Amino acid sequence: MRNPLLQAITAELKHHPQGCKEYDLIRSLDAQSMFGGLSSDDSVALFQKHFLVMNALYQLQLQFWQEEALYLRISALDIGISPTSVNAADSTLPGDATDASLREYYLDWSNMEGADRGYVEELLDQFWQRFLNQDKRQSALDLLGLSSTATYSEIKQRYRRLANELHPDKGGDTSEFIALREAWEVLKLS
């Protein structure tokens, strides 16, 4: 499905070569009356605006990468276009698994179409749970002996290896195993 904001966002990006924030982008699009047909529920309407903007940004990111060898940075506080020396035709987009997961989520229109107040509240609860767990996340990574840049796959692999070593049925210490299990619970949610 073609996003109706593609042209307007492209124009905004050209007006802000140094980059912009998502909030400012939404405010500018709102001032241009670019958002129509949104929910009457303010929370759902805000989510729909956010989703439409992010969907357009991820579509543009792919387009800029494939057609112009430009990289579109996408985060709430930094949206902007960067030149790249990489041959885009021969490589995948930069970023990690989180970037790919976000791209996949926002390019799937069904994530917006099914959004109601309950869905939006659940997303917000998940966000706050992750946000508040950041300190716990670093402690959990330290316990597993991993850096903050560890991927989910690396975390899972290290957890399984340590769980095998520390399991009480295999002669491991129960308290160490419980601490490891608690760390895994934090990390699998983040």
N, C-alpha and C. Protein backbone atom coordinates (compact mmCIF):
# COMPACT_ATOMS: atom_id res chain seq x y z
N MET A 1 0.85 -1.19 0.00
CA MET A 1 0.00 0.00 0.00
C MET A 1 0.89 1.25 0.00
N ARG A 2 0.54 2.19 -0.78
CA ARG A 2 1.32 3.43 -0.87
C ARG A 2 0.90 4.39 0.24
N ASN A 3 1.89 4.88 0.93
CA ASN A 3 1.65 5.80 2.04
C ASN A 3 1.43 7.21 1.48
N PRO A 4 0.33 7.87 1.89
CA PRO A 4 0.04 9.21 1.36
C PRO A 4 1.01 10.30 1.85
N LEU A 5 1.87 9.97 2.79
CA LEU A 5 2.79 10.97 3.35
C LEU A 5 4.17 10.97 2.68
N LEU A 6 4.40 10.08 1.74
CA LEU A 6 5.74 9.94 1.16
C LEU A 6 6.29 11.25 0.59
N GLN A 7 5.51 11.94 -0.22
CA GLN A 7 5.99 13.18 -0.83
C GLN A 7 6.20 14.27 0.21
N ALA A 8 5.25 14.41 1.13
CA ALA A 8 5.36 15.46 2.15
C ALA A 8 6.57 15.23 3.05
N ILE A 9 6.82 13.99 3.42
CA ILE A 9 7.98 13.70 4.27
C ILE A 9 9.28 13.89 3.51
N THR A 10 9.30 13.52 2.24
CA THR A 10 10.49 13.76 1.42
C THR A 10 10.79 15.26 1.37
N ALA A 11 9.77 16.07 1.19
CA ALA A 11 9.95 17.53 1.16
C ALA A 11 10.46 18.03 2.51
N GLU A 12 9.92 17.51 3.60
CA GLU A 12 10.37 17.91 4.94
C GLU A 12 11.84 17.55 5.15
N LEU A 13 12.24 16.37 4.70
CA LEU A 13 13.63 15.96 4.85
C LEU A 13 14.56 16.87 4.06
N LYS A 14 14.12 17.32 2.90
CA LYS A 14 14.93 18.24 2.11
C LYS A 14 15.05 19.60 2.79
N HIS A 15 14.00 20.02 3.51
CA HIS A 15 14.02 21.30 4.23
C HIS A 15 14.88 21.23 5.50
N HIS A 16 15.19 20.02 5.95
CA HIS A 16 15.97 19.83 7.18
C HIS A 16 17.16 18.91 6.90
N PRO A 17 18.13 19.37 6.11
CA PRO A 17 19.26 18.50 5.76
C PRO A 17 20.08 18.05 6.98
N GLN A 18 20.02 18.80 8.06
CA GLN A 18 20.75 18.44 9.27
C GLN A 18 20.00 17.39 10.07
N GLY A 19 18.76 17.10 9.70
CA GLY A 19 17.94 16.12 10.40
C GLY A 19 16.85 16.78 11.21
N CYS A 20 15.95 15.98 11.71
CA CYS A 20 14.84 16.50 12.51
C CYS A 20 14.39 15.42 13.49
N LYS A 21 13.47 15.80 14.35
CA LYS A 21 12.89 14.87 15.32
C LYS A 21 11.53 14.42 14.81
N GLU A 22 11.10 13.24 15.23
CA GLU A 22 9.80 12.74 14.81
C GLU A 22 8.69 13.69 15.25
N TYR A 23 8.79 14.20 16.46
CA TYR A 23 7.78 15.13 16.98
C TYR A 23 7.62 16.34 16.06
N ASP A 24 8.74 16.93 15.63
CA ASP A 24 8.69 18.09 14.74
C ASP A 24 8.11 17.73 13.38
N LEU A 25 8.44 16.55 12.91
CA LEU A 25 7.91 16.07 11.63
C LEU A 25 6.39 15.92 11.70
N ILE A 26 5.91 15.31 12.78
CA ILE A 26 4.46 15.14 12.95
C ILE A 26 3.77 16.49 13.08
N ARG A 27 4.36 17.41 13.83
CA ARG A 27 3.76 18.75 13.98
C ARG A 27 3.66 19.45 12.64
N SER A 28 4.71 19.36 11.83
CA SER A 28 4.70 20.01 10.52
C SER A 28 3.64 19.39 9.61
N LEU A 29 3.56 18.08 9.60
CA LEU A 29 2.55 17.40 8.78
C LEU A 29 1.14 17.71 9.26
N ASP A 30 0.99 17.80 10.58
CA ASP A 30 -0.31 18.18 11.16
C ASP A 30 -0.72 19.58 10.71
N ALA A 31 0.24 20.51 10.72
CA ALA A 31 -0.03 21.89 10.30
C ALA A 31 -0.44 21.96 8.83
N GLN A 32 0.02 20.99 8.04
CA GLN A 32 -0.34 20.93 6.62
C GLN A 32 -1.62 20.12 6.40
N SER A 33 -2.27 19.71 7.48
CA SER A 33 -3.49 18.89 7.43
C SER A 33 -3.29 17.61 6.62
N MET A 34 -2.16 16.95 6.85
CA MET A 34 -1.84 15.73 6.11
C MET A 34 -2.47 14.48 6.69
N PHE A 35 -2.97 14.57 7.91
CA PHE A 35 -3.56 13.40 8.56
C PHE A 35 -5.08 13.50 8.48
N GLY A 36 -5.67 12.62 7.74
CA GLY A 36 -7.12 12.60 7.64
C GLY A 36 -7.66 11.21 7.97
N GLY A 37 -8.89 11.13 8.40
CA GLY A 37 -9.54 9.86 8.64
C GLY A 37 -9.00 9.07 9.82
N LEU A 38 -8.49 9.77 10.81
CA LEU A 38 -7.95 9.08 11.98
C LEU A 38 -9.04 8.80 13.00
N SER A 39 -8.72 7.96 13.95
CA SER A 39 -9.64 7.58 15.02
C SER A 39 -10.07 8.81 15.82
N SER A 40 -11.26 8.74 16.39
CA SER A 40 -11.73 9.82 17.27
C SER A 40 -11.11 9.70 18.66
N ASP A 41 -10.55 8.55 18.97
CA ASP A 41 -9.85 8.34 20.24
C ASP A 41 -8.46 8.97 20.11
N ASP A 42 -8.14 9.94 20.96
CA ASP A 42 -6.87 10.67 20.86
C ASP A 42 -5.64 9.76 20.92
N SER A 43 -5.67 8.76 21.79
CA SER A 43 -4.52 7.85 21.92
C SER A 43 -4.31 7.06 20.64
N VAL A 44 -5.40 6.56 20.09
CA VAL A 44 -5.32 5.77 18.85
C VAL A 44 -4.91 6.67 17.69
N ALA A 45 -5.45 7.89 17.63
CA ALA A 45 -5.10 8.82 16.55
C ALA A 45 -3.61 9.17 16.60
N LEU A 46 -3.06 9.37 17.80
CA LEU A 46 -1.63 9.66 17.93
C LEU A 46 -0.81 8.46 17.45
N PHE A 47 -1.23 7.26 17.82
CA PHE A 47 -0.54 6.06 17.34
C PHE A 47 -0.61 5.98 15.81
N GLN A 48 -1.76 6.28 15.24
CA GLN A 48 -1.92 6.23 13.78
C GLN A 48 -1.00 7.23 13.09
N LYS A 49 -0.90 8.44 13.65
CA LYS A 49 0.02 9.43 13.08
C LYS A 49 1.45 8.90 13.13
N HIS A 50 1.84 8.41 14.29
CA HIS A 50 3.18 7.85 14.46
C HIS A 50 3.42 6.71 13.45
N PHE A 51 2.46 5.82 13.34
CA PHE A 51 2.62 4.68 12.45
C PHE A 51 2.75 5.14 10.99
N LEU A 52 1.89 6.06 10.57
CA LEU A 52 1.95 6.55 9.19
C LEU A 52 3.31 7.19 8.88
N VAL A 53 3.82 7.97 9.83
CA VAL A 53 5.12 8.61 9.63
C VAL A 53 6.22 7.55 9.56
N MET A 54 6.22 6.62 10.50
CA MET A 54 7.26 5.60 10.51
C MET A 54 7.17 4.70 9.28
N ASN A 55 5.98 4.35 8.86
CA ASN A 55 5.80 3.54 7.66
C ASN A 55 6.40 4.27 6.45
N ALA A 56 6.09 5.56 6.32
CA ALA A 56 6.63 6.34 5.20
C ALA A 56 8.15 6.41 5.29
N LEU A 57 8.68 6.63 6.49
CA LEU A 57 10.13 6.71 6.65
C LEU A 57 10.82 5.41 6.25
N TYR A 58 10.26 4.28 6.67
CA TYR A 58 10.89 3.01 6.32
C TYR A 58 10.75 2.71 4.83
N GLN A 59 9.64 3.12 4.20
CA GLN A 59 9.54 2.97 2.75
C GLN A 59 10.59 3.83 2.06
N LEU A 60 10.74 5.07 2.54
CA LEU A 60 11.73 5.97 1.96
C LEU A 60 13.16 5.47 2.22
N GLN A 61 13.38 4.89 3.39
CA GLN A 61 14.70 4.37 3.70
C GLN A 61 15.13 3.34 2.65
N LEU A 62 14.23 2.41 2.35
CA LEU A 62 14.52 1.40 1.33
C LEU A 62 14.71 2.03 -0.05
N GLN A 63 13.84 2.97 -0.38
CA GLN A 63 13.91 3.63 -1.68
C GLN A 63 15.22 4.41 -1.83
N PHE A 64 15.56 5.22 -0.83
CA PHE A 64 16.80 6.01 -0.89
C PHE A 64 18.02 5.10 -0.98
N TRP A 65 18.01 4.00 -0.24
CA TRP A 65 19.14 3.08 -0.23
C TRP A 65 19.32 2.42 -1.59
N GLN A 66 18.22 1.92 -2.15
CA GLN A 66 18.29 1.18 -3.41
C GLN A 66 18.52 2.08 -4.61
N GLU A 67 17.90 3.25 -4.62
CA GLU A 67 17.93 4.09 -5.81
C GLU A 67 19.01 5.17 -5.79
N GLU A 68 19.38 5.64 -4.58
CA GLU A 68 20.29 6.78 -4.51
C GLU A 68 21.53 6.54 -3.65
N ALA A 69 21.66 5.33 -3.10
CA ALA A 69 22.78 5.00 -2.20
C ALA A 69 22.89 5.99 -1.04
N LEU A 70 21.74 6.40 -0.53
CA LEU A 70 21.67 7.27 0.64
C LEU A 70 21.08 6.49 1.79
N TYR A 71 21.53 6.78 3.00
CA TYR A 71 21.00 6.10 4.17
C TYR A 71 20.12 7.06 4.96
N LEU A 72 18.88 6.67 5.18
CA LEU A 72 17.94 7.46 5.98
C LEU A 72 17.99 6.95 7.41
N ARG A 73 18.52 7.78 8.32
CA ARG A 73 18.55 7.45 9.75
C ARG A 73 17.15 7.62 10.31
N ILE A 74 16.71 6.65 11.08
CA ILE A 74 15.36 6.73 11.64
C ILE A 74 15.40 6.44 13.13
N SER A 75 15.17 7.46 13.92
CA SER A 75 14.94 7.31 15.35
C SER A 75 14.08 8.50 15.77
N ALA A 76 13.47 8.41 16.92
CA ALA A 76 12.56 9.46 17.35
C ALA A 76 13.24 10.83 17.42
N LEU A 77 14.52 10.85 17.77
CA LEU A 77 15.22 12.11 17.96
C LEU A 77 16.18 12.47 16.83
N ASP A 78 16.29 11.61 15.83
CA ASP A 78 17.22 11.89 14.73
C ASP A 78 16.76 11.20 13.45
N ILE A 79 16.12 11.98 12.61
CA ILE A 79 15.69 11.50 11.29
C ILE A 79 16.42 12.36 10.27
N GLY A 80 17.21 11.72 9.43
CA GLY A 80 17.94 12.49 8.44
C GLY A 80 18.62 11.60 7.43
N ILE A 81 19.07 12.20 6.35
CA ILE A 81 19.70 11.48 5.25
C ILE A 81 21.21 11.64 5.32
N SER A 82 21.90 10.51 5.20
CA SER A 82 23.37 10.51 5.21
C SER A 82 23.88 9.87 3.93
N PRO A 83 24.91 10.47 3.33
CA PRO A 83 25.52 9.80 2.17
C PRO A 83 26.28 8.57 2.65
N THR A 84 26.47 7.63 1.76
CA THR A 84 27.22 6.43 2.11
C THR A 84 28.20 6.09 1.00
N SER A 85 29.31 5.51 1.39
CA SER A 85 30.30 5.11 0.39
C SER A 85 30.09 3.66 -0.02
N VAL A 86 29.13 3.00 0.62
CA VAL A 86 28.85 1.60 0.33
C VAL A 86 28.03 1.51 -0.95
N ASN A 87 28.29 0.50 -1.76
CA ASN A 87 27.49 0.26 -2.95
C ASN A 87 26.19 -0.40 -2.48
N ALA A 88 25.12 0.37 -2.42
CA ALA A 88 23.84 -0.11 -1.89
C ALA A 88 23.31 -1.32 -2.64
N ALA A 89 23.59 -1.41 -3.93
CA ALA A 89 23.10 -2.54 -4.71
C ALA A 89 23.74 -3.86 -4.26
N ASP A 90 24.93 -3.76 -3.66
CA ASP A 90 25.66 -4.96 -3.25
C ASP A 90 25.58 -5.26 -1.75
N SER A 91 24.84 -4.47 -0.99
CA SER A 91 24.80 -4.71 0.44
C SER A 91 23.41 -4.45 1.01
N THR A 92 23.22 -4.96 2.21
CA THR A 92 21.95 -4.73 2.89
C THR A 92 22.04 -3.44 3.68
N LEU A 93 20.89 -2.98 4.09
CA LEU A 93 20.83 -1.76 4.90
C LEU A 93 21.65 -1.91 6.17
N PRO A 94 22.33 -0.85 6.59
CA PRO A 94 23.05 -0.91 7.87
C PRO A 94 22.05 -1.08 9.02
N GLY A 95 22.54 -1.53 10.14
CA GLY A 95 21.69 -1.65 11.32
C GLY A 95 21.74 -3.05 11.88
N ASP A 96 21.11 -3.19 13.03
CA ASP A 96 21.11 -4.48 13.71
C ASP A 96 19.73 -5.14 13.62
N ALA A 97 19.56 -6.19 14.39
CA ALA A 97 18.29 -6.93 14.38
C ALA A 97 17.13 -6.07 14.84
N THR A 98 17.39 -5.16 15.78
CA THR A 98 16.32 -4.28 16.25
C THR A 98 15.84 -3.38 15.12
N ASP A 99 16.78 -2.82 14.35
CA ASP A 99 16.40 -1.99 13.22
C ASP A 99 15.55 -2.78 12.22
N ALA A 100 15.97 -3.99 11.94
CA ALA A 100 15.23 -4.83 10.99
C ALA A 100 13.84 -5.16 11.54
N SER A 101 13.74 -5.43 12.83
CA SER A 101 12.43 -5.74 13.44
C SER A 101 11.50 -4.55 13.37
N LEU A 102 12.02 -3.37 13.67
CA LEU A 102 11.20 -2.16 13.59
C LEU A 102 10.74 -1.91 12.15
N ARG A 103 11.66 -2.06 11.21
CA ARG A 103 11.31 -1.87 9.79
C ARG A 103 10.19 -2.83 9.40
N GLU A 104 10.33 -4.09 9.78
CA GLU A 104 9.33 -5.10 9.46
C GLU A 104 7.98 -4.75 10.08
N TYR A 105 7.99 -4.31 11.33
CA TYR A 105 6.74 -3.94 12.02
C TYR A 105 6.04 -2.78 11.31
N TYR A 106 6.79 -1.71 11.03
CA TYR A 106 6.17 -0.53 10.45
C TYR A 106 5.82 -0.67 8.98
N LEU A 107 6.38 -1.61 8.29
CA LEU A 107 6.01 -1.83 6.90
C LEU A 107 4.80 -2.76 6.76
N ASP A 108 4.35 -3.31 7.87
CA ASP A 108 3.18 -4.20 7.88
C ASP A 108 1.94 -3.39 8.27
N TRP A 109 1.12 -3.06 7.27
CA TRP A 109 -0.05 -2.21 7.50
C TRP A 109 -1.04 -2.81 8.50
N SER A 110 -1.06 -4.11 8.64
CA SER A 110 -2.02 -4.73 9.57
C SER A 110 -1.76 -4.29 11.02
N ASN A 111 -0.55 -3.84 11.32
CA ASN A 111 -0.25 -3.36 12.67
C ASN A 111 -0.96 -2.05 12.99
N MET A 112 -1.29 -1.29 11.97
CA MET A 112 -2.06 -0.06 12.20
C MET A 112 -3.55 -0.32 12.06
N GLU A 113 -3.92 -1.13 11.09
CA GLU A 113 -5.34 -1.35 10.82
C GLU A 113 -6.07 -1.95 12.00
N GLY A 114 -5.41 -2.80 12.78
CA GLY A 114 -6.06 -3.44 13.90
C GLY A 114 -5.91 -2.68 15.21
N ALA A 115 -5.36 -1.49 15.15
CA ALA A 115 -5.08 -0.74 16.39
C ALA A 115 -6.35 -0.15 16.99
N ASP A 116 -6.60 -0.51 18.24
CA ASP A 116 -7.67 0.12 19.01
C ASP A 116 -7.05 0.58 20.33
N ARG A 117 -7.85 1.13 21.20
CA ARG A 117 -7.33 1.68 22.45
C ARG A 117 -6.58 0.61 23.27
N GLY A 118 -7.10 -0.60 23.34
CA GLY A 118 -6.46 -1.67 24.09
C GLY A 118 -5.09 -2.01 23.53
N TYR A 119 -4.98 -2.07 22.21
CA TYR A 119 -3.71 -2.36 21.55
C TYR A 119 -2.69 -1.28 21.85
N VAL A 120 -3.10 -0.02 21.75
CA VAL A 120 -2.20 1.11 22.00
C VAL A 120 -1.73 1.10 23.45
N GLU A 121 -2.64 0.85 24.38
CA GLU A 121 -2.26 0.80 25.79
C GLU A 121 -1.28 -0.35 26.06
N GLU A 122 -1.50 -1.48 25.41
CA GLU A 122 -0.58 -2.61 25.57
C GLU A 122 0.81 -2.26 25.04
N LEU A 123 0.88 -1.59 23.89
CA LEU A 123 2.18 -1.16 23.35
C LEU A 123 2.88 -0.21 24.30
N LEU A 124 2.13 0.73 24.87
CA LEU A 124 2.72 1.68 25.81
C LEU A 124 3.22 0.97 27.07
N ASP A 125 2.45 0.03 27.57
CA ASP A 125 2.89 -0.75 28.74
C ASP A 125 4.18 -1.49 28.44
N GLN A 126 4.26 -2.11 27.26
CA GLN A 126 5.48 -2.83 26.88
C GLN A 126 6.67 -1.87 26.79
N PHE A 127 6.43 -0.68 26.22
CA PHE A 127 7.49 0.32 26.11
C PHE A 127 8.01 0.69 27.49
N TRP A 128 7.11 1.02 28.40
CA TRP A 128 7.54 1.45 29.73
C TRP A 128 8.22 0.31 30.49
N GLN A 129 7.76 -0.90 30.28
CA GLN A 129 8.41 -2.03 30.93
C GLN A 129 9.85 -2.17 30.44
N ARG A 130 10.07 -2.05 29.13
CA ARG A 130 11.42 -2.12 28.58
C ARG A 130 12.27 -0.95 29.06
N PHE A 131 11.68 0.24 29.05
CA PHE A 131 12.40 1.45 29.46
C PHE A 131 12.86 1.33 30.91
N LEU A 132 11.98 0.89 31.77
CA LEU A 132 12.31 0.78 33.19
C LEU A 132 13.26 -0.39 33.46
N ASN A 133 13.36 -1.33 32.54
CA ASN A 133 14.24 -2.49 32.71
C ASN A 133 15.65 -2.27 32.17
N GLN A 134 15.96 -1.07 31.67
CA GLN A 134 17.28 -0.85 31.06
C GLN A 134 18.42 -1.08 32.06
N ASP A 135 18.26 -0.61 33.32
CA ASP A 135 19.30 -0.86 34.32
C ASP A 135 19.41 -2.35 34.61
N LYS A 136 18.27 -3.01 34.71
CA LYS A 136 18.27 -4.45 34.94
C LYS A 136 18.89 -5.17 33.76
N ARG A 137 18.67 -4.67 32.57
CA ARG A 137 19.22 -5.30 31.36
C ARG A 137 20.75 -5.32 31.42
N GLN A 138 21.35 -4.18 31.76
CA GLN A 138 22.81 -4.13 31.79
C GLN A 138 23.35 -5.07 32.86
N SER A 139 22.71 -5.13 34.01
CA SER A 139 23.14 -6.05 35.07
C SER A 139 23.03 -7.50 34.60
N ALA A 140 21.95 -7.80 33.89
CA ALA A 140 21.75 -9.16 33.37
C ALA A 140 22.81 -9.51 32.33
N LEU A 141 23.12 -8.56 31.46
CA LEU A 141 24.17 -8.79 30.45
C LEU A 141 25.52 -9.01 31.13
N ASP A 142 25.79 -8.22 32.18
CA ASP A 142 27.04 -8.39 32.92
C ASP A 142 27.12 -9.79 33.53
N LEU A 143 26.01 -10.26 34.07
CA LEU A 143 25.98 -11.60 34.68
C LEU A 143 26.31 -12.67 33.64
N LEU A 144 25.82 -12.47 32.41
CA LEU A 144 26.10 -13.42 31.34
C LEU A 144 27.46 -13.17 30.68
N GLY A 145 28.13 -12.09 31.08
CA GLY A 145 29.44 -11.76 30.51
C GLY A 145 29.36 -11.25 29.09
N LEU A 146 28.29 -10.51 28.79
CA LEU A 146 28.08 -9.99 27.44
C LEU A 146 28.08 -8.47 27.44
N SER A 147 28.37 -7.88 26.30
CA SER A 147 28.35 -6.43 26.15
C SER A 147 26.93 -5.96 25.86
N SER A 148 26.75 -4.66 25.96
CA SER A 148 25.42 -4.08 25.71
C SER A 148 25.02 -4.19 24.24
N THR A 149 25.95 -4.52 23.36
CA THR A 149 25.63 -4.65 21.94
C THR A 149 25.31 -6.09 21.54
N ALA A 150 25.23 -6.98 22.52
CA ALA A 150 24.94 -8.39 22.22
C ALA A 150 23.59 -8.54 21.55
N THR A 151 23.53 -9.38 20.55
CA THR A 151 22.28 -9.64 19.85
C THR A 151 21.45 -10.65 20.65
N TYR A 152 20.18 -10.73 20.29
CA TYR A 152 19.30 -11.69 20.96
C TYR A 152 19.84 -13.11 20.79
N SER A 153 20.33 -13.41 19.62
CA SER A 153 20.88 -14.74 19.34
C SER A 153 22.08 -15.04 20.24
N GLU A 154 22.97 -14.06 20.41
CA GLU A 154 24.13 -14.24 21.29
C GLU A 154 23.70 -14.42 22.75
N ILE A 155 22.71 -13.64 23.16
CA ILE A 155 22.21 -13.73 24.54
C ILE A 155 21.62 -15.12 24.78
N LYS A 156 20.80 -15.57 23.85
CA LYS A 156 20.15 -16.87 23.99
C LYS A 156 21.19 -18.00 24.03
N GLN A 157 22.17 -17.91 23.16
CA GLN A 157 23.21 -18.95 23.10
C GLN A 157 24.00 -18.98 24.41
N ARG A 158 24.40 -17.81 24.93
CA ARG A 158 25.17 -17.76 26.18
C ARG A 158 24.32 -18.24 27.35
N TYR A 159 23.04 -17.83 27.38
CA TYR A 159 22.16 -18.29 28.46
C TYR A 159 22.08 -19.82 28.47
N ARG A 160 21.86 -20.42 27.31
CA ARG A 160 21.73 -21.88 27.24
C ARG A 160 23.00 -22.59 27.71
N ARG A 161 24.16 -22.06 27.30
CA ARG A 161 25.42 -22.67 27.70
C ARG A 161 25.59 -22.57 29.22
N LEU A 162 25.33 -21.37 29.79
CA LEU A 162 25.49 -21.19 31.23
C LEU A 162 24.45 -21.98 32.02
N ALA A 163 23.23 -22.03 31.50
CA ALA A 163 22.18 -22.79 32.18
C ALA A 163 22.55 -24.26 32.25
N ASN A 164 23.14 -24.77 31.20
CA ASN A 164 23.60 -26.15 31.17
C ASN A 164 24.69 -26.38 32.21
N GLU A 165 25.62 -25.43 32.31
CA GLU A 165 26.72 -25.55 33.27
C GLU A 165 26.25 -25.41 34.73
N LEU A 166 25.32 -24.47 34.95
CA LEU A 166 24.93 -24.12 36.32
C LEU A 166 23.71 -24.88 36.84
N HIS A 167 23.08 -25.68 36.01
CA HIS A 167 21.85 -26.37 36.43
C HIS A 167 22.13 -27.27 37.64
N PRO A 168 21.29 -27.16 38.67
CA PRO A 168 21.49 -27.98 39.88
C PRO A 168 21.52 -29.49 39.61
N ASP A 169 20.78 -29.95 38.63
CA ASP A 169 20.78 -31.38 38.30
C ASP A 169 22.12 -31.84 37.75
N LYS A 170 22.95 -30.88 37.33
CA LYS A 170 24.27 -31.22 36.77
C LYS A 170 25.38 -30.77 37.70
N GLY A 171 25.03 -30.57 38.99
CA GLY A 171 26.03 -30.22 39.99
C GLY A 171 26.26 -28.73 40.16
N GLY A 172 25.46 -27.92 39.50
CA GLY A 172 25.62 -26.48 39.62
C GLY A 172 25.00 -25.93 40.89
N ASP A 173 25.35 -24.70 41.19
CA ASP A 173 24.85 -24.01 42.37
C ASP A 173 23.44 -23.48 42.11
N THR A 174 22.50 -23.79 43.00
CA THR A 174 21.10 -23.40 42.82
C THR A 174 20.94 -21.89 42.78
N SER A 175 21.60 -21.17 43.69
CA SER A 175 21.44 -19.71 43.72
C SER A 175 22.01 -19.06 42.46
N GLU A 176 23.12 -19.58 41.93
CA GLU A 176 23.67 -19.05 40.68
C GLU A 176 22.72 -19.33 39.52
N PHE A 177 22.12 -20.50 39.51
CA PHE A 177 21.19 -20.85 38.45
C PHE A 177 19.95 -19.95 38.50
N ILE A 178 19.46 -19.69 39.72
CA ILE A 178 18.28 -18.81 39.87
C ILE A 178 18.62 -17.40 39.39
N ALA A 179 19.79 -16.89 39.74
CA ALA A 179 20.21 -15.56 39.28
C ALA A 179 20.31 -15.53 37.75
N LEU A 180 20.86 -16.60 37.17
CA LEU A 180 20.95 -16.69 35.72
C LEU A 180 19.55 -16.69 35.09
N ARG A 181 18.65 -17.44 35.67
CA ARG A 181 17.27 -17.52 35.16
C ARG A 181 16.59 -16.15 35.24
N GLU A 182 16.79 -15.43 36.33
CA GLU A 182 16.22 -14.08 36.47
C GLU A 182 16.80 -13.13 35.41
N ALA A 183 18.09 -13.26 35.15
CA ALA A 183 18.72 -12.43 34.11
C ALA A 183 18.09 -12.74 32.74
N TRP A 184 17.87 -14.02 32.46
CA TRP A 184 17.24 -14.41 31.20
C TRP A 184 15.85 -13.82 31.07
N GLU A 185 15.08 -13.81 32.15
CA GLU A 185 13.72 -13.24 32.11
C GLU A 185 13.76 -11.76 31.75
N VAL A 186 14.74 -11.05 32.27
CA VAL A 186 14.89 -9.62 31.93
C VAL A 186 15.28 -9.48 30.46
N LEU A 187 16.25 -10.26 30.01
CA LEU A 187 16.80 -10.10 28.67
C LEU A 187 15.85 -10.54 27.57
N LYS A 188 15.05 -11.53 27.82
CA LYS A 188 14.15 -11.98 26.75
C LYS A 188 13.00 -11.00 26.53
N LEU A 189 12.77 -10.10 27.47
CA LEU A 189 11.72 -9.09 27.31
C LEU A 189 12.25 -7.81 26.69
N SER A 190 13.58 -7.63 26.69
CA SER A 190 14.12 -6.37 26.21
C SER A 190 14.55 -6.43 24.77
